[in-house]
Amino acid sequence: MWPWEKAWESRWRRTIGTNTLSESFLSLWRAKSGPIPSLVLNATSTRTGDRIVVSNLNAASTGASFNLAENIDLPLSSAINASARFPFVDPPGAVRMSETPNEPQWEVIADGGYYENFGAAAILGVLESLERYAKEEKRTTLDKLLRPIVLQITNDPTRGMAHTLDRAFHGDNYSKIESCKSRMAL
């Protein structure tokens, strides 16, 4: 565990009064009543360059090569830090993955932005998985089963960027899902 993570946990505890950041990442979804949003945190493998996620969803459903949370019970603070290892501020982190011979034993994880900085690859993977499920298991279309709501938080100050993305994806398979379109006023 890195000093950043300990500091986040301590500040959260003092400010909010709970130990949420020091608890298991997956405990956020255990024994909860009602619908709870999924969380996909992106990281990058420095060994392969592939996208790695930390999520309550399995790796295949996000289109990622690997999900740390499927293999390691890590605290929420470590899950957050895995996706935010920005160069010169926080070095890549090494995680022991296996003790089996002939398998890579360590994964070195860097900021998710090395692979893709918007989170669009994760959302596309999830939507494609849901679309496959609707078609193969329910014999219908995704828009008849559910209405996905995608919340993208960005620090991109470029006015009109969301509108540009909407235009770029106009006419794609998900154009019927209005909640995936931006609500930014121009």
Protein backbone atom coordinates (compact mmCIF):
# COMPACT_ATOMS: atom_id res chain seq x y z
CA MET A 1 0.00 0.00 0.00
CA TRP A 2 1.33 3.40 -1.02
CA PRO A 3 1.43 6.52 1.20
CA TRP A 4 -1.16 8.18 -1.07
CA GLU A 5 -3.62 5.42 -0.31
CA LYS A 6 -3.04 5.60 3.45
CA ALA A 7 -3.48 9.39 3.31
CA TRP A 8 -6.74 9.09 1.35
CA GLU A 9 -8.06 6.52 3.81
CA SER A 10 -7.13 8.67 6.80
CA ARG A 11 -8.65 11.85 5.34
CA TRP A 12 -11.84 9.98 4.36
CA ARG A 13 -12.13 8.55 7.86
CA ARG A 14 -11.67 11.99 9.48
CA THR A 15 -13.99 13.80 7.04
CA ILE A 16 -16.75 11.27 6.35
CA GLY A 17 -16.45 9.10 9.44
CA THR A 18 -16.36 5.71 7.70
CA ASN A 19 -13.62 3.26 6.66
CA THR A 20 -14.97 2.86 3.11
CA LEU A 21 -11.65 3.55 1.35
CA SER A 22 -9.81 0.96 3.45
CA GLU A 23 -12.50 -1.71 2.93
CA SER A 24 -12.42 -4.31 0.19
CA PHE A 25 -13.26 -2.87 -3.24
CA LEU A 26 -15.84 -5.61 -3.87
CA SER A 27 -17.48 -5.05 -0.47
CA LEU A 28 -19.17 -2.02 -2.06
CA TRP A 29 -21.52 -4.48 -3.80
CA ARG A 30 -21.90 -7.19 -1.13
CA ALA A 31 -25.15 -7.40 0.82
CA LYS A 32 -26.54 -4.14 -0.52
CA SER A 33 -30.23 -3.75 -1.18
CA GLY A 34 -31.51 -2.16 -4.34
CA PRO A 35 -29.68 -1.38 -7.55
CA ILE A 36 -26.13 -0.11 -7.18
CA PRO A 37 -24.16 1.34 -10.10
CA SER A 38 -21.18 -0.60 -11.38
CA LEU A 39 -17.73 0.93 -11.32
CA VAL A 40 -15.00 0.39 -13.91
CA LEU A 41 -11.58 1.86 -13.13
CA ASN A 42 -9.08 1.67 -16.00
CA ALA A 43 -5.38 0.97 -15.67
CA THR A 44 -2.67 -0.07 -18.14
CA SER A 45 -0.31 -3.05 -18.07
CA THR A 46 3.27 -1.84 -18.57
CA ARG A 47 4.19 -5.41 -19.52
CA THR A 48 1.76 -5.73 -22.45
CA GLY A 49 0.21 -2.28 -22.97
CA ASP A 50 -3.24 -3.83 -22.54
CA ARG A 51 -6.11 -2.22 -20.66
CA ILE A 52 -6.64 -3.63 -17.18
CA VAL A 53 -9.70 -2.81 -15.08
CA VAL A 54 -10.66 -2.89 -11.46
CA SER A 55 -14.39 -3.49 -11.46
CA ASN A 56 -17.30 -5.37 -9.95
CA LEU A 57 -17.95 -6.57 -13.53
CA ASN A 58 -15.84 -9.36 -15.00
CA ALA A 59 -13.04 -8.48 -17.42
CA ALA A 60 -14.78 -10.01 -20.43
CA SER A 61 -17.87 -7.84 -19.94
CA THR A 62 -15.75 -4.68 -20.01
CA GLY A 63 -13.63 -5.67 -23.00
CA ALA A 64 -10.48 -5.58 -20.86
CA SER A 65 -7.75 -8.19 -20.83
CA PHE A 66 -7.72 -8.49 -17.06
CA ASN A 67 -9.65 -7.44 -13.93
CA LEU A 68 -7.54 -7.03 -10.80
CA ALA A 69 -10.60 -7.38 -8.55
CA GLU A 70 -11.25 -10.88 -9.93
CA ASN A 71 -7.83 -11.98 -8.70
CA ILE A 72 -6.96 -9.84 -5.69
CA ASP A 73 -9.01 -8.60 -2.76
CA LEU A 74 -7.73 -5.04 -2.70
CA PRO A 75 -8.93 -2.01 -0.73
CA LEU A 76 -10.92 0.67 -2.53
CA SER A 77 -8.02 3.13 -2.09
CA SER A 78 -5.69 0.74 -3.97
CA ALA A 79 -8.29 0.23 -6.71
CA ILE A 80 -8.54 3.98 -7.21
CA ASN A 81 -4.77 4.38 -7.18
CA ALA A 82 -4.34 1.60 -9.75
CA SER A 83 -6.16 3.75 -12.28
CA ALA A 84 -4.52 7.03 -11.30
CA ARG A 85 -0.80 6.30 -11.35
CA PHE A 86 0.20 9.44 -13.20
CA PRO A 87 3.87 9.66 -14.25
CA PHE A 88 6.21 11.74 -12.09
CA VAL A 89 3.58 11.86 -9.32
CA ASP A 90 2.94 8.19 -8.55
CA PRO A 91 5.10 5.48 -10.16
CA PRO A 92 3.61 2.32 -11.67
CA GLY A 93 2.64 -0.27 -9.06
CA ALA A 94 3.69 -3.91 -9.03
CA VAL A 95 1.14 -6.55 -8.09
CA ARG A 96 1.96 -10.22 -7.50
CA MET A 97 -0.50 -12.13 -9.69
CA SER A 98 0.60 -15.73 -9.59
CA GLU A 99 2.97 -18.14 -7.97
CA THR A 100 2.49 -20.69 -10.72
CA PRO A 101 5.56 -21.47 -12.86
CA ASN A 102 5.28 -20.53 -16.55
CA GLU A 103 2.84 -17.69 -15.80
CA PRO A 104 3.75 -14.04 -15.42
CA GLN A 105 4.11 -13.60 -11.68
CA TRP A 106 3.98 -9.82 -11.55
CA GLU A 107 1.88 -7.21 -13.27
CA VAL A 108 3.12 -3.64 -13.30
CA ILE A 109 0.23 -1.22 -13.50
CA ALA A 110 0.29 2.36 -14.75
CA ASP A 111 -2.30 5.08 -15.24
CA GLY A 112 -5.30 4.04 -17.34
CA GLY A 113 -4.75 7.05 -19.59
CA TYR A 114 -1.79 5.34 -21.25
CA TYR A 115 -4.31 3.07 -22.95
CA GLU A 116 -7.35 5.32 -23.19
CA ASN A 117 -8.18 8.39 -21.14
CA PHE A 118 -11.95 8.77 -21.60
CA GLY A 119 -13.27 5.42 -20.33
CA ALA A 120 -15.04 4.98 -23.66
CA ALA A 121 -13.42 1.57 -24.26
CA ALA A 122 -14.91 0.25 -21.00
CA ILE A 123 -18.37 1.61 -21.77
CA LEU A 124 -18.24 0.20 -25.29
CA GLY A 125 -17.22 -3.20 -23.87
CA VAL A 126 -20.09 -3.17 -21.37
CA LEU A 127 -22.66 -2.07 -23.98
CA GLU A 128 -21.47 -4.75 -26.42
CA SER A 129 -21.73 -7.41 -23.67
CA LEU A 130 -25.23 -6.25 -22.78
CA GLU A 131 -26.23 -6.21 -26.43
CA ARG A 132 -24.94 -9.80 -26.87
CA TYR A 133 -26.83 -10.90 -23.76
CA ALA A 134 -30.05 -9.31 -25.02
CA LYS A 135 -29.71 -10.96 -28.41
CA GLU A 136 -28.51 -14.42 -27.35
CA GLU A 137 -30.24 -14.95 -24.00
CA LYS A 138 -33.40 -12.87 -24.27
CA ARG A 139 -33.91 -12.85 -28.04
CA THR A 140 -34.55 -9.13 -28.10
CA THR A 141 -32.67 -5.85 -28.37
CA LEU A 142 -30.90 -4.03 -25.58
CA ASP A 143 -33.18 -1.00 -25.67
CA LYS A 144 -36.15 -3.27 -24.90
CA LEU A 145 -34.48 -4.70 -21.78
CA LEU A 146 -33.02 -1.68 -20.09
CA ARG A 147 -32.06 1.91 -20.41
CA PRO A 148 -28.36 2.32 -19.66
CA ILE A 149 -27.33 5.59 -18.08
CA VAL A 150 -23.70 6.49 -18.58
CA LEU A 151 -22.12 9.13 -16.37
CA GLN A 152 -18.76 10.34 -17.60
CA ILE A 153 -16.81 12.66 -15.35
CA THR A 154 -14.09 14.56 -17.14
CA ASN A 155 -11.78 17.42 -16.41
CA ASP A 156 -11.66 18.40 -20.08
CA PRO A 157 -12.43 22.13 -20.14
CA THR A 158 -13.01 22.18 -23.89
CA ARG A 159 -16.46 23.64 -24.35
CA GLY A 160 -18.46 21.58 -26.80
CA MET A 161 -16.36 18.39 -26.50
CA ALA A 162 -19.41 16.32 -25.50
CA HIS A 163 -21.32 17.68 -28.49
CA THR A 164 -18.41 16.70 -30.75
CA LEU A 165 -18.47 13.16 -29.33
CA ASP A 166 -22.24 12.96 -29.87
CA ARG A 167 -21.77 13.90 -33.54
CA ALA A 168 -18.93 11.38 -33.92
CA PHE A 169 -21.11 8.53 -32.61
CA HIS A 170 -24.30 9.56 -34.42
CA GLY A 171 -25.80 6.58 -36.20
CA ASP A 172 -23.90 3.94 -34.23
CA ASN A 173 -25.61 0.96 -32.61
CA TYR A 174 -26.26 2.96 -29.46
CA SER A 175 -27.75 6.10 -31.00
CA LYS A 176 -31.22 4.99 -29.78
CA ILE A 177 -30.05 5.04 -26.17
CA GLU A 178 -30.58 8.69 -25.39
CA SER A 179 -29.15 8.48 -21.88
CA CYS A 180 -25.74 7.82 -23.43
CA LYS A 181 -25.81 11.15 -25.22
CA SER A 182 -24.36 14.21 -23.58
CA ARG A 183 -26.56 16.75 -21.91
CA MET A 184 -24.08 19.57 -22.24
CA ALA A 185 -25.68 22.81 -23.39
CA LEU A 186 -23.71 24.66 -26.01
